[in-house]
């Protein structure tokens, strides 16, 4: 069995990564579990690759209402 060594400075907790990226911890956790955000689970705790969190850019219209729902 091989043991992979990681540099702790390269990883952030999910909550810190979410704060850095400007998203919720729930959303960040979902992205890691789906594989769209680089992360790793160690002893039951999820960590996100620092460079992935720092490079994340939210779409400018994310979270905004799509319209008033009124039709002219």
PDB file of N, CA and C in Angstrom:
ATOM      1  N   UNK A   1       0.845  -1.176   0.000  1.00  0.00           N
ATOM      2  CA  UNK A   1       0.000   0.000   0.000  1.00  0.00           C
ATOM      3  C   UNK A   1       0.890   1.239   0.000  1.00  0.00           C
ATOM      4  N   UNK A   2       0.625   2.142  -0.933  1.00  0.00           N
ATOM      5  CA  UNK A   2       1.426   3.364  -1.002  1.00  0.00           C
ATOM      6  C   UNK A   2       0.704   4.512  -0.297  1.00  0.00           C
ATOM      7  N   UNK A   3       1.484   5.373   0.282  1.00  0.00           N
ATOM      8  CA  UNK A   3       0.940   6.536   0.966  1.00  0.00           C
ATOM      9  C   UNK A   3       1.291   7.765   0.158  1.00  0.00           C
ATOM     10  N   UNK A   4       0.285   8.534  -0.157  1.00  0.00           N
ATOM     11  CA  UNK A   4       0.502   9.757  -0.921  1.00  0.00           C
ATOM     12  C   UNK A   4       0.693  10.911   0.052  1.00  0.00           C
ATOM     13  N   UNK A   5       1.762  11.643  -0.118  1.00  0.00           N
ATOM     14  CA  UNK A   5       2.022  12.802   0.740  1.00  0.00           C
ATOM     15  C   UNK A   5       1.501  14.055   0.048  1.00  0.00           C
ATOM     16  N   UNK A   6       0.864  14.896   0.843  1.00  0.00           N
ATOM     17  CA  UNK A   6       0.401  16.169   0.304  1.00  0.00           C
ATOM     18  C   UNK A   6       0.987  17.297   1.144  1.00  0.00           C
ATOM     19  N   UNK A   7       1.114  18.431   0.536  1.00  0.00           N
ATOM     20  CA  UNK A   7       1.602  19.607   1.231  1.00  0.00           C
ATOM     21  C   UNK A   7       0.389  20.332   1.821  1.00  0.00           C
ATOM     22  N   UNK A   8       0.267  20.413   3.147  1.00  0.00           N
ATOM     23  CA  UNK A   8      -0.892  21.059   3.775  1.00  0.00           C
ATOM     24  C   UNK A   8      -1.106  22.498   3.314  1.00  0.00           C
ATOM     25  N   UNK A   9      -0.050  23.189   2.936  1.00  0.00           N
ATOM     26  CA  UNK A   9      -0.183  24.572   2.472  1.00  0.00           C
ATOM     27  C   UNK A   9      -0.932  24.660   1.146  1.00  0.00           C
ATOM     28  N   UNK A  10      -1.036  23.538   0.429  1.00  0.00           N
ATOM     29  CA  UNK A  10      -1.717  23.517  -0.862  1.00  0.00           C
ATOM     30  C   UNK A  10      -3.228  23.330  -0.736  1.00  0.00           C
ATOM     31  N   UNK A  11      -3.729  23.106   0.472  1.00  0.00           N
ATOM     32  CA  UNK A  11      -5.151  22.795   0.673  1.00  0.00           C
ATOM     33  C   UNK A  11      -5.796  23.713   1.700  1.00  0.00           C
ATOM     34  N   UNK A  12      -7.086  23.947   1.513  1.00  0.00           N
ATOM     35  CA  UNK A  12      -7.896  24.744   2.434  1.00  0.00           C
ATOM     36  C   UNK A  12      -9.089  23.912   2.885  1.00  0.00           C
ATOM     37  N   UNK A  13      -9.613  24.216   4.059  1.00  0.00           N
ATOM     38  CA  UNK A  13     -10.864  23.568   4.456  1.00  0.00           C
ATOM     39  C   UNK A  13     -11.951  24.056   3.509  1.00  0.00           C
ATOM     40  N   UNK A  14     -13.025  23.307   3.427  1.00  0.00           N
ATOM     41  CA  UNK A  14     -14.129  23.699   2.552  1.00  0.00           C
ATOM     42  C   UNK A  14     -14.671  25.074   2.936  1.00  0.00           C
ATOM     43  N   UNK A  15     -14.818  25.319   4.230  1.00  0.00           N
ATOM     44  CA  UNK A  15     -15.368  26.609   4.642  1.00  0.00           C
ATOM     45  C   UNK A  15     -14.448  27.766   4.256  1.00  0.00           C
ATOM     46  N   UNK A  16     -13.147  27.596   4.401  1.00  0.00           N
ATOM     47  CA  UNK A  16     -12.200  28.659   4.020  1.00  0.00           C
ATOM     48  C   UNK A  16     -12.171  28.841   2.507  1.00  0.00           C
ATOM     49  N   UNK A  17     -12.208  27.736   1.769  1.00  0.00           N
ATOM     50  CA  UNK A  17     -12.213  27.811   0.303  1.00  0.00           C
ATOM     51  C   UNK A  17     -13.481  28.518  -0.184  1.00  0.00           C
ATOM     52  N   UNK A  18     -14.612  28.210   0.437  1.00  0.00           N
ATOM     53  CA  UNK A  18     -15.879  28.839   0.059  1.00  0.00           C
ATOM     54  C   UNK A  18     -15.829  30.338   0.330  1.00  0.00           C
ATOM     55  N   UNK A  19     -15.285  30.707   1.476  1.00  0.00           N
ATOM     56  CA  UNK A  19     -15.157  32.124   1.826  1.00  0.00           C
ATOM     57  C   UNK A  19     -14.288  32.847   0.802  1.00  0.00           C
ATOM     58  N   UNK A  20     -13.190  32.233   0.444  1.00  0.00           N
ATOM     59  CA  UNK A  20     -12.261  32.813  -0.526  1.00  0.00           C
ATOM     60  C   UNK A  20     -12.922  32.969  -1.899  1.00  0.00           C
ATOM     61  N   UNK A  21     -13.734  31.975  -2.284  1.00  0.00           N
ATOM     62  CA  UNK A  21     -14.377  31.979  -3.597  1.00  0.00           C
ATOM     63  C   UNK A  21     -15.679  32.781  -3.620  1.00  0.00           C
ATOM     64  N   UNK A  22     -16.187  33.163  -2.441  1.00  0.00           N
ATOM     65  CA  UNK A  22     -17.421  33.936  -2.387  1.00  0.00           C
ATOM     66  C   UNK A  22     -18.676  33.115  -2.609  1.00  0.00           C
ATOM     67  N   UNK A  23     -18.632  31.847  -2.186  1.00  0.00           N
ATOM     68  CA  UNK A  23     -19.791  30.960  -2.317  1.00  0.00           C
ATOM     69  C   UNK A  23     -20.069  30.316  -0.964  1.00  0.00           C
ATOM     70  N   UNK A  24     -21.166  29.595  -0.855  1.00  0.00           N
ATOM     71  CA  UNK A  24     -21.489  28.935   0.407  1.00  0.00           C
ATOM     72  C   UNK A  24     -20.672  27.649   0.570  1.00  0.00           C
ATOM     73  N   UNK A  25     -20.488  27.261   1.819  1.00  0.00           N
ATOM     74  CA  UNK A  25     -19.796  26.009   2.105  1.00  0.00           C
ATOM     75  C   UNK A  25     -20.528  24.820   1.511  1.00  0.00           C
ATOM     76  N   UNK A  26     -21.875  24.864   1.546  1.00  0.00           N
ATOM     77  CA  UNK A  26     -22.686  23.790   0.969  1.00  0.00           C
ATOM     78  C   UNK A  26     -22.393  23.651  -0.521  1.00  0.00           C
ATOM     79  N   UNK A  27     -22.393  24.788  -1.240  1.00  0.00           N
ATOM     80  CA  UNK A  27     -22.151  24.756  -2.680  1.00  0.00           C
ATOM     81  C   UNK A  27     -20.758  24.206  -2.974  1.00  0.00           C
ATOM     82  N   UNK A  28     -19.763  24.680  -2.214  1.00  0.00           N
ATOM     83  CA  UNK A  28     -18.388  24.223  -2.422  1.00  0.00           C
ATOM     84  C   UNK A  28     -18.282  22.715  -2.192  1.00  0.00           C
ATOM     85  N   UNK A  29     -18.901  22.234  -1.128  1.00  0.00           N
ATOM     86  CA  UNK A  29     -18.874  20.796  -0.829  1.00  0.00           C
ATOM     87  C   UNK A  29     -19.502  19.995  -1.969  1.00  0.00           C
ATOM     88  N   UNK A  30     -20.607  20.492  -2.520  1.00  0.00           N
ATOM     89  CA  UNK A  30     -21.263  19.802  -3.640  1.00  0.00           C
ATOM     90  C   UNK A  30     -20.332  19.728  -4.850  1.00  0.00           C
ATOM     91  N   UNK A  31     -19.615  20.813  -5.126  1.00  0.00           N
ATOM     92  CA  UNK A  31     -18.707  20.829  -6.277  1.00  0.00           C
ATOM     93  C   UNK A  31     -17.566  19.833  -6.107  1.00  0.00           C
ATOM     94  N   UNK A  32     -17.050  19.739  -4.902  1.00  0.00           N
ATOM     95  CA  UNK A  32     -15.962  18.783  -4.631  1.00  0.00           C
ATOM     96  C   UNK A  32     -16.478  17.362  -4.804  1.00  0.00           C
ATOM     97  N   UNK A  33     -17.647  17.073  -4.254  1.00  0.00           N
ATOM     98  CA  UNK A  33     -18.200  15.721  -4.356  1.00  0.00           C
ATOM     99  C   UNK A  33     -18.539  15.348  -5.792  1.00  0.00           C
ATOM    100  N   UNK A  34     -18.960  16.350  -6.606  1.00  0.00           N
ATOM    101  CA  UNK A  34     -19.259  16.096  -8.019  1.00  0.00           C
ATOM    102  C   UNK A  34     -17.992  15.984  -8.856  1.00  0.00           C
ATOM    103  N   UNK A  35     -16.867  16.473  -8.316  1.00  0.00           N
ATOM    104  CA  UNK A  35     -15.611  16.415  -9.054  1.00  0.00           C
ATOM    105  C   UNK A  35     -15.343  17.643  -9.903  1.00  0.00           C
ATOM    106  N   UNK A  36     -16.148  18.686  -9.758  1.00  0.00           N
ATOM    107  CA  UNK A  36     -15.921  19.899 -10.541  1.00  0.00           C
ATOM    108  C   UNK A  36     -14.978  20.871  -9.828  1.00  0.00           C
ATOM    109  N   UNK A  37     -14.637  20.581  -8.581  1.00  0.00           N
ATOM    110  CA  UNK A  37     -13.658  21.365  -7.821  1.00  0.00           C
ATOM    111  C   UNK A  37     -12.664  20.367  -7.238  1.00  0.00           C
ATOM    112  N   UNK A  38     -11.379  20.648  -7.397  1.00  0.00           N
ATOM    113  CA  UNK A  38     -10.347  19.726  -6.922  1.00  0.00           C
ATOM    114  C   UNK A  38     -10.311  19.687  -5.397  1.00  0.00           C
ATOM    115  N   UNK A  39     -10.472  18.501  -4.847  1.00  0.00           N
ATOM    116  CA  UNK A  39     -10.439  18.353  -3.406  1.00  0.00           C
ATOM    117  C   UNK A  39     -10.090  16.930  -3.007  1.00  0.00           C
ATOM    118  N   UNK A  40      -9.907  16.748  -1.715  1.00  0.00           N
ATOM    119  CA  UNK A  40      -9.537  15.437  -1.186  1.00  0.00           C
ATOM    120  C   UNK A  40     -10.150  15.292   0.199  1.00  0.00           C
ATOM    121  N   UNK A  41     -10.500  14.063   0.552  1.00  0.00           N
ATOM    122  CA  UNK A  41     -11.035  13.793   1.878  1.00  0.00           C
ATOM    123  C   UNK A  41      -9.974  13.059   2.687  1.00  0.00           C
ATOM    124  N   UNK A  42      -9.672  13.614   3.864  1.00  0.00           N
ATOM    125  CA  UNK A  42      -8.675  13.010   4.752  1.00  0.00           C
ATOM    126  C   UNK A  42      -9.313  12.834   6.113  1.00  0.00           C
ATOM    127  N   UNK A  43      -9.360  11.589   6.562  1.00  0.00           N
ATOM    128  CA  UNK A  43      -9.970  11.271   7.859  1.00  0.00           C
ATOM    129  C   UNK A  43     -11.354  11.883   8.014  1.00  0.00           C
ATOM    130  N   UNK A  44     -12.142  11.842   6.956  1.00  0.00           N
ATOM    131  CA  UNK A  44     -13.521  12.329   7.006  1.00  0.00           C
ATOM    132  C   UNK A  44     -13.688  13.821   6.818  1.00  0.00           C
ATOM    133  N   UNK A  45     -12.595  14.549   6.641  1.00  0.00           N
ATOM    134  CA  UNK A  45     -12.660  16.000   6.459  1.00  0.00           C
ATOM    135  C   UNK A  45     -12.291  16.340   5.016  1.00  0.00           C
ATOM    136  N   UNK A  46     -13.118  17.164   4.378  1.00  0.00           N
ATOM    137  CA  UNK A  46     -12.856  17.553   2.998  1.00  0.00           C
ATOM    138  C   UNK A  46     -11.970  18.790   2.940  1.00  0.00           C
ATOM    139  N   UNK A  47     -11.024  18.771   1.996  1.00  0.00           N
ATOM    140  CA  UNK A  47     -10.138  19.891   1.734  1.00  0.00           C
ATOM    141  C   UNK A  47     -10.180  20.202   0.246  1.00  0.00           C
ATOM    142  N   UNK A  48     -10.005  21.467  -0.088  1.00  0.00           N
ATOM    143  CA  UNK A  48     -10.025  21.924  -1.474  1.00  0.00           C
ATOM    144  C   UNK A  48      -8.630  22.402  -1.848  1.00  0.00           C
ATOM    145  N   UNK A  49      -8.227  22.086  -3.042  1.00  0.00           N
ATOM    146  CA  UNK A  49      -6.939  22.544  -3.535  1.00  0.00           C
ATOM    147  C   UNK A  49      -6.951  24.077  -3.565  1.00  0.00           C
ATOM    148  N   UNK A  50      -5.995  24.683  -2.896  1.00  0.00           N
ATOM    149  CA  UNK A  50      -5.937  26.148  -2.773  1.00  0.00           C
ATOM    150  C   UNK A  50      -5.986  26.826  -4.142  1.00  0.00           C
ATOM    151  N   UNK A  51      -5.215  26.336  -5.087  1.00  0.00           N
ATOM    152  CA  UNK A  51      -5.173  26.974  -6.407  1.00  0.00           C
ATOM    153  C   UNK A  51      -6.533  26.913  -7.104  1.00  0.00           C
ATOM    154  N   UNK A  52      -7.311  25.849  -6.864  1.00  0.00           N
ATOM    155  CA  UNK A  52      -8.643  25.745  -7.461  1.00  0.00           C
ATOM    156  C   UNK A  52      -9.578  26.789  -6.855  1.00  0.00           C
ATOM    157  N   UNK A  53      -9.516  26.966  -5.541  1.00  0.00           N
ATOM    158  CA  UNK A  53     -10.363  27.956  -4.869  1.00  0.00           C
ATOM    159  C   UNK A  53      -9.961  29.373  -5.267  1.00  0.00           C
ATOM    160  N   UNK A  54      -8.666  29.630  -5.353  1.00  0.00           N
ATOM    161  CA  UNK A  54      -8.197  30.970  -5.714  1.00  0.00           C
ATOM    162  C   UNK A  54      -8.513  31.298  -7.171  1.00  0.00           C
ATOM    163  N   UNK A  55      -8.500  30.286  -8.028  1.00  0.00           N
ATOM    164  CA  UNK A  55      -8.759  30.506  -9.445  1.00  0.00           C
ATOM    165  C   UNK A  55     -10.230  30.486  -9.815  1.00  0.00           C
ATOM    166  N   UNK A  56     -11.081  30.149  -8.844  1.00  0.00           N
ATOM    167  CA  UNK A  56     -12.504  30.072  -9.121  1.00  0.00           C
ATOM    168  C   UNK A  56     -13.076  31.459  -9.357  1.00  0.00           C
ATOM    169  N   UNK A  57     -13.826  31.590 -10.439  1.00  0.00           N
ATOM    170  CA  UNK A  57     -14.508  32.849 -10.702  1.00  0.00           C
ATOM    171  C   UNK A  57     -15.972  32.555 -10.946  1.00  0.00           C
ATOM    172  N   UNK A  58     -16.786  33.097 -10.096  1.00  0.00           N
ATOM    173  CA  UNK A  58     -18.225  32.924 -10.201  1.00  0.00           C
ATOM    174  C   UNK A  58     -18.740  33.679 -11.414  1.00  0.00           C
ATOM    175  N   UNK A  59     -19.715  33.092 -12.098  1.00  0.00           N
ATOM    176  CA  UNK A  59     -20.327  33.758 -13.235  1.00  0.00           C
ATOM    177  C   UNK A  59     -20.987  35.044 -12.748  1.00  0.00           C
ATOM    178  N   UNK A  60     -20.847  36.154 -13.471  1.00  0.00           N
ATOM    179  CA  UNK A  60     -21.369  37.437 -12.997  1.00  0.00           C
ATOM    180  C   UNK A  60     -22.865  37.457 -12.706  1.00  0.00           C
ATOM    181  N   UNK A  61     -23.640  36.605 -13.365  1.00  0.00           N
ATOM    182  CA  UNK A  61     -25.092  36.616 -13.130  1.00  0.00           C
ATOM    183  C   UNK A  61     -25.546  35.514 -12.188  1.00  0.00           C
ATOM    184  N   UNK A  62     -24.621  34.768 -11.615  1.00  0.00           N
ATOM    185  CA  UNK A  62     -24.992  33.670 -10.710  1.00  0.00           C
ATOM    186  C   UNK A  62     -25.744  34.211  -9.504  1.00  0.00           C
ATOM    187  N   UNK A  63     -26.867  33.596  -9.214  1.00  0.00           N
ATOM    188  CA  UNK A  63     -27.639  33.959  -8.037  1.00  0.00           C
ATOM    189  C   UNK A  63     -28.583  35.128  -8.241  1.00  0.00           C
ATOM    190  N   UNK A  64     -28.602  35.713  -9.408  1.00  0.00           N
ATOM    191  CA  UNK A  64     -29.493  36.831  -9.670  1.00  0.00           C
ATOM    192  C   UNK A  64     -30.822  36.330 -10.222  1.00  0.00           C
ATOM    193  N   UNK A  65     -31.897  37.034  -9.932  1.00  0.00           N
ATOM    194  CA  UNK A  65     -33.196  36.651 -10.502  1.00  0.00           C
ATOM    195  C   UNK A  65     -33.145  36.721 -12.025  1.00  0.00           C
ATOM    196  N   UNK A  66     -33.868  35.853 -12.687  1.00  0.00           N
ATOM    197  CA  UNK A  66     -33.852  35.811 -14.143  1.00  0.00           C
ATOM    198  C   UNK A  66     -34.759  36.874 -14.754  1.00  0.00           C
ATOM    199  N   UNK A  67     -35.686  37.372 -14.005  1.00  0.00           N
ATOM    200  CA  UNK A  67     -36.593  38.384 -14.530  1.00  0.00           C
ATOM    201  C   UNK A  67     -37.740  38.579 -13.555  1.00  0.00           C
ATOM    202  N   UNK A  68     -38.581  39.532 -13.831  1.00  0.00           N
ATOM    203  CA  UNK A  68     -39.676  39.846 -12.922  1.00  0.00           C
ATOM    204  C   UNK A  68     -40.832  38.864 -13.054  1.00  0.00           C
ATOM    205  N   UNK A  69     -40.863  38.127 -14.154  1.00  0.00           N
ATOM    206  CA  UNK A  69     -41.966  37.189 -14.381  1.00  0.00           C
ATOM    207  C   UNK A  69     -43.167  37.840 -15.033  1.00  0.00           C
ATOM    208  N   UNK A  70     -43.123  39.146 -15.206  1.00  0.00           N
ATOM    209  CA  UNK A  70     -44.220  39.867 -15.855  1.00  0.00           C
ATOM    210  C   UNK A  70     -44.022  39.853 -17.349  1.00  0.00           C
ATOM    211  N   UNK A  71     -45.121  39.738 -18.066  1.00  0.00           N
ATOM    212  CA  UNK A  71     -45.057  39.767 -19.523  1.00  0.00           C
ATOM    213  C   UNK A  71     -45.723  41.038 -20.015  1.00  0.00           C
ATOM    214  N   UNK A  72     -45.141  41.628 -21.023  1.00  0.00           N
ATOM    215  CA  UNK A  72     -45.678  42.892 -21.539  1.00  0.00           C
ATOM    216  C   UNK A  72     -46.849  42.669 -22.449  1.00  0.00           C
TER     217      UNK A  72
END
